[in-house]
Amino acid sequence: MPIYWTLKSIPELSDLSLAERNRRFARIRRKAFRHWQTWLGLLGCSVLSGIGSVLGGNLGHPFIGAAIGGGVGGLIYFQALIHLARIYYLAILVGRSP
């Protein structure tokens, strides 16, 4: 499974301008929140941030720990979001609405 770091790295959106890419992804992103995978990724982001805060607090830097945990959790959340958004986008391109 490839990791998409930016919207430009998503194959279906890579040829579009920045404004068009953001507009299309925003429309599809709303649909992705209908699925449990998106919510689980968001929950995982907050849990990892909390764990990072506790571990960082043990080392004297809770904010840095929370930032690292939130960054890892955010990456997981964004990948789940992109996976679902690509399914919706492909369905729109084919002409059927999921």
C-alpha atoms as a PDB file:
ATOM      1  CA  MET A   1       0.000   0.000   0.000  1.00  0.00           C
ATOM      2  CA  PRO A   2       1.635   3.260  -1.086  1.00  0.00           C
ATOM      3  CA  ILE A   3       1.858   6.184   1.314  1.00  0.00           C
ATOM      4  CA  TYR A   4       0.416   9.435  -0.009  1.00  0.00           C
ATOM      5  CA  TRP A   5       2.120  12.409   1.634  1.00  0.00           C
ATOM      6  CA  THR A   6       0.256  15.141  -0.251  1.00  0.00           C
ATOM      7  CA  LEU A   7      -2.810  15.466  -2.462  1.00  0.00           C
ATOM      8  CA  LYS A   8      -0.507  15.871  -5.465  1.00  0.00           C
ATOM      9  CA  SER A   9       0.833  12.344  -4.889  1.00  0.00           C
ATOM     10  CA  ILE A  10      -2.662  10.862  -5.377  1.00  0.00           C
ATOM     11  CA  PRO A  11      -2.703   9.627  -9.005  1.00  0.00           C
ATOM     12  CA  GLU A  12      -6.278  10.765  -9.731  1.00  0.00           C
ATOM     13  CA  LEU A  13      -5.543  14.316  -8.557  1.00  0.00           C
ATOM     14  CA  SER A  14      -1.928  14.772  -9.648  1.00  0.00           C
ATOM     15  CA  ASP A  15      -2.648  16.443 -13.012  1.00  0.00           C
ATOM     16  CA  LEU A  16      -5.023  19.066 -11.591  1.00  0.00           C
ATOM     17  CA  SER A  17      -4.216  22.575 -10.440  1.00  0.00           C
ATOM     18  CA  LEU A  18      -3.844  23.198  -6.718  1.00  0.00           C
ATOM     19  CA  ALA A  19      -7.213  24.940  -6.408  1.00  0.00           C
ATOM     20  CA  GLU A  20      -9.055  22.254  -8.381  1.00  0.00           C
ATOM     21  CA  ARG A  21      -7.318  19.469  -6.453  1.00  0.00           C
ATOM     22  CA  ASN A  22      -8.346  20.998  -3.114  1.00  0.00           C
ATOM     23  CA  ARG A  23     -11.911  21.610  -4.298  1.00  0.00           C
ATOM     24  CA  ARG A  24     -12.423  18.046  -5.495  1.00  0.00           C
ATOM     25  CA  PHE A  25     -10.810  16.467  -2.458  1.00  0.00           C
ATOM     26  CA  ALA A  26     -12.910  18.611  -0.089  1.00  0.00           C
ATOM     27  CA  ARG A  27     -16.086  17.396  -1.781  1.00  0.00           C
ATOM     28  CA  ILE A  28     -15.054  13.758  -1.574  1.00  0.00           C
ATOM     29  CA  ARG A  29     -13.620  14.032   1.963  1.00  0.00           C
ATOM     30  CA  ARG A  30     -17.111  14.674   3.350  1.00  0.00           C
ATOM     31  CA  LYS A  31     -18.279  11.346   1.962  1.00  0.00           C
ATOM     32  CA  ALA A  32     -15.385   9.486   3.581  1.00  0.00           C
ATOM     33  CA  PHE A  33     -16.696  10.417   7.038  1.00  0.00           C
ATOM     34  CA  ARG A  34     -19.616   8.045   6.464  1.00  0.00           C
ATOM     35  CA  HIS A  35     -17.282   5.110   7.103  1.00  0.00           C
ATOM     36  CA  TRP A  36     -15.976   3.659  10.328  1.00  0.00           C
ATOM     37  CA  GLN A  37     -12.420   3.491   8.979  1.00  0.00           C
ATOM     38  CA  THR A  38     -12.186   7.287   8.893  1.00  0.00           C
ATOM     39  CA  TRP A  39     -13.495   7.625  12.433  1.00  0.00           C
ATOM     40  CA  LEU A  40     -11.175   4.883  13.666  1.00  0.00           C
ATOM     41  CA  GLY A  41      -8.212   6.695  12.100  1.00  0.00           C
ATOM     42  CA  LEU A  42      -9.262   9.925  13.812  1.00  0.00           C
ATOM     43  CA  LEU A  43      -9.620   8.119  17.141  1.00  0.00           C
ATOM     44  CA  GLY A  44      -6.222   6.510  16.640  1.00  0.00           C
ATOM     45  CA  CYS A  45      -4.704   9.932  16.035  1.00  0.00           C
ATOM     46  CA  SER A  46      -5.991  11.236  19.352  1.00  0.00           C
ATOM     47  CA  VAL A  47      -4.999   8.061  21.229  1.00  0.00           C
ATOM     48  CA  LEU A  48      -1.458   8.162  19.838  1.00  0.00           C
ATOM     49  CA  SER A  49      -1.234  11.837  20.727  1.00  0.00           C
ATOM     50  CA  GLY A  50      -2.248  11.027  24.299  1.00  0.00           C
ATOM     51  CA  ILE A  51       0.226   8.168  24.528  1.00  0.00           C
ATOM     52  CA  GLY A  52       2.948  10.423  23.156  1.00  0.00           C
ATOM     53  CA  SER A  53       2.077  13.072  25.733  1.00  0.00           C
ATOM     54  CA  VAL A  54       2.367  10.575  28.588  1.00  0.00           C
ATOM     55  CA  LEU A  55       5.632   9.113  27.303  1.00  0.00           C
ATOM     56  CA  GLY A  56       7.002  12.584  26.618  1.00  0.00           C
ATOM     57  CA  GLY A  57       5.901  13.689  30.091  1.00  0.00           C
ATOM     58  CA  ASN A  58       8.010  10.915  31.583  1.00  0.00           C
ATOM     59  CA  LEU A  59      10.995  12.442  29.768  1.00  0.00           C
ATOM     60  CA  GLY A  60      10.054  15.988  30.720  1.00  0.00           C
ATOM     61  CA  HIS A  61       8.651  17.039  27.329  1.00  0.00           C
ATOM     62  CA  PRO A  62       4.935  16.204  27.099  1.00  0.00           C
ATOM     63  CA  PHE A  63       4.271  18.623  24.223  1.00  0.00           C
ATOM     64  CA  ILE A  64       6.993  17.109  22.049  1.00  0.00           C
ATOM     65  CA  GLY A  65       5.707  13.617  22.808  1.00  0.00           C
ATOM     66  CA  ALA A  66       2.152  14.647  21.932  1.00  0.00           C
ATOM     67  CA  ALA A  67       3.361  16.212  18.665  1.00  0.00           C
ATOM     68  CA  ILE A  68       5.232  13.066  17.643  1.00  0.00           C
ATOM     69  CA  GLY A  69       2.328  10.788  18.615  1.00  0.00           C
ATOM     70  CA  GLY A  70      -0.145  13.078  16.855  1.00  0.00           C
ATOM     71  CA  GLY A  71       2.047  13.150  13.758  1.00  0.00           C
ATOM     72  CA  VAL A  72       2.161   9.363  13.551  1.00  0.00           C
ATOM     73  CA  GLY A  73      -1.562   9.143  14.238  1.00  0.00           C
ATOM     74  CA  GLY A  74      -2.248  11.874  11.690  1.00  0.00           C
ATOM     75  CA  LEU A  75      -0.368   9.919   9.044  1.00  0.00           C
ATOM     76  CA  ILE A  76      -2.487   6.835   9.766  1.00  0.00           C
ATOM     77  CA  TYR A  77      -5.682   8.906   9.683  1.00  0.00           C
ATOM     78  CA  PHE A  78      -4.743  10.629   6.414  1.00  0.00           C
ATOM     79  CA  GLN A  79      -3.962   7.301   4.725  1.00  0.00           C
ATOM     80  CA  ALA A  80      -7.352   5.861   5.755  1.00  0.00           C
ATOM     81  CA  LEU A  81      -9.052   9.036   4.524  1.00  0.00           C
ATOM     82  CA  ILE A  82      -7.260   8.938   1.173  1.00  0.00           C
ATOM     83  CA  HIS A  83      -8.045   5.240   0.707  1.00  0.00           C
ATOM     84  CA  LEU A  84     -11.775   5.886   1.064  1.00  0.00           C
ATOM     85  CA  ALA A  85     -11.649   9.128  -0.926  1.00  0.00           C
ATOM     86  CA  ARG A  86     -10.003   7.334  -3.853  1.00  0.00           C
ATOM     87  CA  ILE A  87     -12.812   4.761  -3.885  1.00  0.00           C
ATOM     88  CA  TYR A  88     -15.383   7.545  -4.092  1.00  0.00           C
ATOM     89  CA  TYR A  89     -13.413   9.446  -6.700  1.00  0.00           C
ATOM     90  CA  LEU A  90     -13.048   6.387  -8.923  1.00  0.00           C
ATOM     91  CA  ALA A  91     -16.793   5.738  -8.623  1.00  0.00           C
ATOM     92  CA  ILE A  92     -17.507   9.315  -9.714  1.00  0.00           C
ATOM     93  CA  LEU A  93     -15.153   8.981 -12.689  1.00  0.00           C
ATOM     94  CA  VAL A  94     -16.846   5.766 -13.793  1.00  0.00           C
ATOM     95  CA  GLY A  95     -20.233   7.470 -13.519  1.00  0.00           C
ATOM     96  CA  ARG A  96     -21.853   5.645 -10.652  1.00  0.00           C
ATOM     97  CA  SER A  97     -22.466   7.079  -7.225  1.00  0.00           C
ATOM     98  CA  PRO A  98     -21.582   4.811  -4.277  1.00  0.00           C
END
